[in-house]
Amino acid sequence: MEHVPYGVRSCLYSGISKNIDFLTLQAQAVMDSGNKWKDYNSQLNNIKEALEWYKEHCVVSVAYLEEAMNKLELLINQVKE
């Protein structure tokens, strides 16, 4: 496995986390307003792609990101219903 410098891991972690937080807020706003879910699938797919890469290369802290992602996906499923 290649070595990923700490600074790169840190920025990737915070970037993925912020994107998850953003989509979580979007999903909550949609639920609160009663509006329909807009197409955030491309952003969701980007997060999933980044998370998979992070999981493969930066295993140590991936559990926190996966937990946040699971919560986001549950919320999105509720929004889409």
N, C-alpha and C. Protein backbone atom coordinates (compact mmCIF):
# COMPACT_ATOMS: atom_id res chain seq x y z
N MET A 1 0.85 -1.18 0.00
CA MET A 1 0.00 0.00 0.00
C MET A 1 0.90 1.24 0.00
N GLU A 2 0.53 2.18 -0.83
CA GLU A 2 1.30 3.41 -0.90
C GLU A 2 1.11 4.25 0.37
N HIS A 3 2.11 5.05 0.66
CA HIS A 3 2.03 5.93 1.83
C HIS A 3 1.31 7.22 1.42
N VAL A 4 0.27 7.56 2.14
CA VAL A 4 -0.46 8.80 1.91
C VAL A 4 -0.07 9.75 3.04
N PRO A 5 0.54 10.88 2.71
CA PRO A 5 0.98 11.81 3.75
C PRO A 5 -0.18 12.27 4.64
N TYR A 6 0.16 12.60 5.88
CA TYR A 6 -0.85 13.03 6.85
C TYR A 6 -1.67 14.22 6.35
N GLY A 7 -1.01 15.20 5.78
CA GLY A 7 -1.72 16.39 5.30
C GLY A 7 -2.76 16.05 4.25
N VAL A 8 -2.42 15.12 3.37
CA VAL A 8 -3.36 14.69 2.33
C VAL A 8 -4.53 13.95 2.97
N ARG A 9 -4.23 13.03 3.89
CA ARG A 9 -5.29 12.29 4.58
C ARG A 9 -6.22 13.24 5.32
N SER A 10 -5.64 14.21 5.99
CA SER A 10 -6.42 15.16 6.77
C SER A 10 -7.35 15.98 5.88
N CYS A 11 -6.84 16.47 4.77
CA CYS A 11 -7.66 17.27 3.86
C CYS A 11 -8.75 16.41 3.21
N LEU A 12 -8.41 15.20 2.83
CA LEU A 12 -9.41 14.30 2.27
C LEU A 12 -10.51 14.02 3.28
N TYR A 13 -10.12 13.72 4.50
CA TYR A 13 -11.09 13.42 5.55
C TYR A 13 -12.04 14.60 5.75
N SER A 14 -11.46 15.79 5.91
CA SER A 14 -12.32 16.95 6.18
C SER A 14 -13.18 17.30 4.97
N GLY A 15 -12.66 17.13 3.77
CA GLY A 15 -13.44 17.39 2.57
C GLY A 15 -14.61 16.44 2.43
N ILE A 16 -14.37 15.16 2.65
CA ILE A 16 -15.44 14.17 2.57
C ILE A 16 -16.48 14.45 3.66
N SER A 17 -16.00 14.72 4.85
CA SER A 17 -16.89 15.00 5.97
C SER A 17 -17.77 16.22 5.70
N LYS A 18 -17.18 17.28 5.18
CA LYS A 18 -17.95 18.50 4.88
C LYS A 18 -18.99 18.25 3.78
N ASN A 19 -18.65 17.44 2.80
CA ASN A 19 -19.60 17.12 1.75
C ASN A 19 -20.76 16.30 2.29
N ILE A 20 -20.47 15.36 3.17
CA ILE A 20 -21.53 14.58 3.81
C ILE A 20 -22.43 15.51 4.63
N ASP A 21 -21.82 16.40 5.40
CA ASP A 21 -22.59 17.35 6.22
C ASP A 21 -23.48 18.23 5.34
N PHE A 22 -22.96 18.70 4.21
CA PHE A 22 -23.73 19.54 3.31
C PHE A 22 -24.96 18.80 2.78
N LEU A 23 -24.76 17.58 2.30
CA LEU A 23 -25.90 16.83 1.76
C LEU A 23 -26.89 16.46 2.86
N THR A 24 -26.39 16.24 4.06
CA THR A 24 -27.28 15.95 5.18
C THR A 24 -28.17 17.16 5.45
N LEU A 25 -27.59 18.35 5.45
CA LEU A 25 -28.37 19.58 5.65
C LEU A 25 -29.37 19.77 4.51
N GLN A 26 -28.97 19.48 3.29
CA GLN A 26 -29.87 19.60 2.15
C GLN A 26 -31.06 18.66 2.31
N ALA A 27 -30.79 17.42 2.68
CA ALA A 27 -31.87 16.43 2.84
C ALA A 27 -32.81 16.84 3.98
N GLN A 28 -32.25 17.35 5.07
CA GLN A 28 -33.09 17.78 6.18
C GLN A 28 -33.95 18.98 5.79
N ALA A 29 -33.39 19.89 5.01
CA ALA A 29 -34.14 21.06 4.57
C ALA A 29 -35.29 20.65 3.65
N VAL A 30 -35.05 19.68 2.80
CA VAL A 30 -36.09 19.18 1.91
C VAL A 30 -37.21 18.56 2.74
N MET A 31 -36.85 17.76 3.73
CA MET A 31 -37.86 17.13 4.57
C MET A 31 -38.66 18.17 5.34
N ASP A 32 -38.00 19.17 5.89
CA ASP A 32 -38.66 20.20 6.68
C ASP A 32 -39.60 21.06 5.83
N SER A 33 -39.23 21.28 4.58
CA SER A 33 -40.02 22.15 3.73
C SER A 33 -41.15 21.43 3.01
N GLY A 34 -41.08 20.11 2.98
CA GLY A 34 -42.07 19.34 2.26
C GLY A 34 -41.84 19.32 0.76
N ASN A 35 -40.73 19.90 0.31
CA ASN A 35 -40.40 19.88 -1.12
C ASN A 35 -39.87 18.52 -1.52
N LYS A 36 -39.72 18.34 -2.80
CA LYS A 36 -39.16 17.09 -3.31
C LYS A 36 -37.64 17.18 -3.34
N TRP A 37 -37.02 16.02 -3.27
CA TRP A 37 -35.56 15.93 -3.29
C TRP A 37 -35.06 16.32 -4.68
N LYS A 38 -34.18 17.31 -4.71
CA LYS A 38 -33.58 17.69 -5.98
C LYS A 38 -32.46 16.70 -6.30
N ASP A 39 -31.99 16.77 -7.50
CA ASP A 39 -31.00 15.79 -7.94
C ASP A 39 -29.60 16.10 -7.39
N TYR A 40 -29.30 15.49 -6.26
CA TYR A 40 -27.96 15.60 -5.68
C TYR A 40 -27.20 14.29 -5.88
N ASN A 41 -27.70 13.44 -6.79
CA ASN A 41 -27.08 12.14 -6.97
C ASN A 41 -25.64 12.22 -7.44
N SER A 42 -25.30 13.21 -8.26
CA SER A 42 -23.91 13.32 -8.71
C SER A 42 -22.99 13.66 -7.53
N GLN A 43 -23.45 14.54 -6.63
CA GLN A 43 -22.67 14.85 -5.44
C GLN A 43 -22.55 13.62 -4.54
N LEU A 44 -23.65 12.89 -4.40
CA LEU A 44 -23.64 11.68 -3.58
C LEU A 44 -22.67 10.66 -4.17
N ASN A 45 -22.68 10.50 -5.48
CA ASN A 45 -21.75 9.57 -6.13
C ASN A 45 -20.30 10.00 -5.96
N ASN A 46 -20.05 11.31 -6.01
CA ASN A 46 -18.69 11.81 -5.78
C ASN A 46 -18.21 11.48 -4.38
N ILE A 47 -19.10 11.65 -3.40
CA ILE A 47 -18.74 11.32 -2.02
C ILE A 47 -18.45 9.83 -1.89
N LYS A 48 -19.29 9.00 -2.49
CA LYS A 48 -19.07 7.56 -2.42
C LYS A 48 -17.74 7.16 -3.05
N GLU A 49 -17.43 7.78 -4.19
CA GLU A 49 -16.16 7.48 -4.85
C GLU A 49 -14.98 7.89 -3.98
N ALA A 50 -15.05 9.08 -3.41
CA ALA A 50 -13.97 9.56 -2.53
C ALA A 50 -13.84 8.68 -1.29
N LEU A 51 -14.98 8.28 -0.74
CA LEU A 51 -14.98 7.44 0.46
C LEU A 51 -14.35 6.08 0.16
N GLU A 52 -14.65 5.51 -0.99
CA GLU A 52 -14.05 4.22 -1.36
C GLU A 52 -12.54 4.34 -1.49
N TRP A 53 -12.07 5.42 -2.14
CA TRP A 53 -10.63 5.62 -2.27
C TRP A 53 -10.00 5.81 -0.89
N TYR A 54 -10.64 6.62 -0.08
CA TYR A 54 -10.14 6.88 1.27
C TYR A 54 -10.08 5.59 2.08
N LYS A 55 -11.12 4.79 1.94
CA LYS A 55 -11.19 3.52 2.67
C LYS A 55 -10.04 2.60 2.28
N GLU A 56 -9.69 2.59 1.00
CA GLU A 56 -8.63 1.73 0.51
C GLU A 56 -7.25 2.22 0.92
N HIS A 57 -7.07 3.54 1.01
CA HIS A 57 -5.74 4.10 1.22
C HIS A 57 -5.51 4.69 2.61
N CYS A 58 -6.57 4.97 3.34
CA CYS A 58 -6.44 5.67 4.63
C CYS A 58 -7.36 5.00 5.65
N VAL A 59 -7.15 3.76 5.91
CA VAL A 59 -8.09 2.92 6.64
C VAL A 59 -8.38 3.40 8.06
N VAL A 60 -7.44 4.01 8.72
CA VAL A 60 -7.51 4.28 10.14
C VAL A 60 -8.79 5.00 10.57
N SER A 61 -9.15 6.08 9.92
CA SER A 61 -10.28 6.89 10.40
C SER A 61 -11.52 6.77 9.54
N VAL A 62 -11.58 5.77 8.69
CA VAL A 62 -12.70 5.64 7.77
C VAL A 62 -14.02 5.31 8.48
N ALA A 63 -13.96 4.71 9.65
CA ALA A 63 -15.18 4.31 10.36
C ALA A 63 -16.09 5.50 10.65
N TYR A 64 -15.51 6.63 11.01
CA TYR A 64 -16.31 7.82 11.31
C TYR A 64 -17.02 8.33 10.05
N LEU A 65 -16.31 8.32 8.93
CA LEU A 65 -16.90 8.75 7.67
C LEU A 65 -17.99 7.80 7.22
N GLU A 66 -17.76 6.51 7.37
CA GLU A 66 -18.77 5.53 6.96
C GLU A 66 -20.03 5.65 7.80
N GLU A 67 -19.88 5.93 9.08
CA GLU A 67 -21.05 6.11 9.95
C GLU A 67 -21.86 7.33 9.50
N ALA A 68 -21.18 8.43 9.21
CA ALA A 68 -21.86 9.63 8.74
C ALA A 68 -22.54 9.38 7.39
N MET A 69 -21.86 8.63 6.53
CA MET A 69 -22.43 8.32 5.22
C MET A 69 -23.67 7.44 5.35
N ASN A 70 -23.64 6.48 6.24
CA ASN A 70 -24.80 5.62 6.46
C ASN A 70 -26.00 6.43 6.94
N LYS A 71 -25.76 7.37 7.84
CA LYS A 71 -26.84 8.23 8.33
C LYS A 71 -27.40 9.09 7.20
N LEU A 72 -26.51 9.60 6.35
CA LEU A 72 -26.95 10.41 5.22
C LEU A 72 -27.81 9.58 4.27
N GLU A 73 -27.39 8.38 3.96
CA GLU A 73 -28.14 7.54 3.03
C GLU A 73 -29.51 7.17 3.60
N LEU A 74 -29.60 6.95 4.89
CA LEU A 74 -30.90 6.68 5.52
C LEU A 74 -31.82 7.90 5.39
N LEU A 75 -31.26 9.07 5.63
CA LEU A 75 -32.03 10.30 5.53
C LEU A 75 -32.48 10.54 4.08
N ILE A 76 -31.60 10.31 3.14
CA ILE A 76 -31.96 10.50 1.73
C ILE A 76 -33.07 9.53 1.34
N ASN A 77 -33.02 8.31 1.82
CA ASN A 77 -34.09 7.35 1.53
C ASN A 77 -35.42 7.85 2.07
N GLN A 78 -35.41 8.48 3.24
CA GLN A 78 -36.64 9.03 3.81
C GLN A 78 -37.15 10.20 2.95
N VAL A 79 -36.23 11.01 2.48
CA VAL A 79 -36.60 12.17 1.66
C VAL A 79 -37.22 11.73 0.35
N LYS A 80 -36.70 10.68 -0.23
CA LYS A 80 -37.17 10.21 -1.54
C LYS A 80 -38.52 9.52 -1.45
N GLU A 81 -38.94 9.11 -0.26
CA GLU A 81 -40.22 8.39 -0.12
C GLU A 81 -41.40 9.29 -0.32
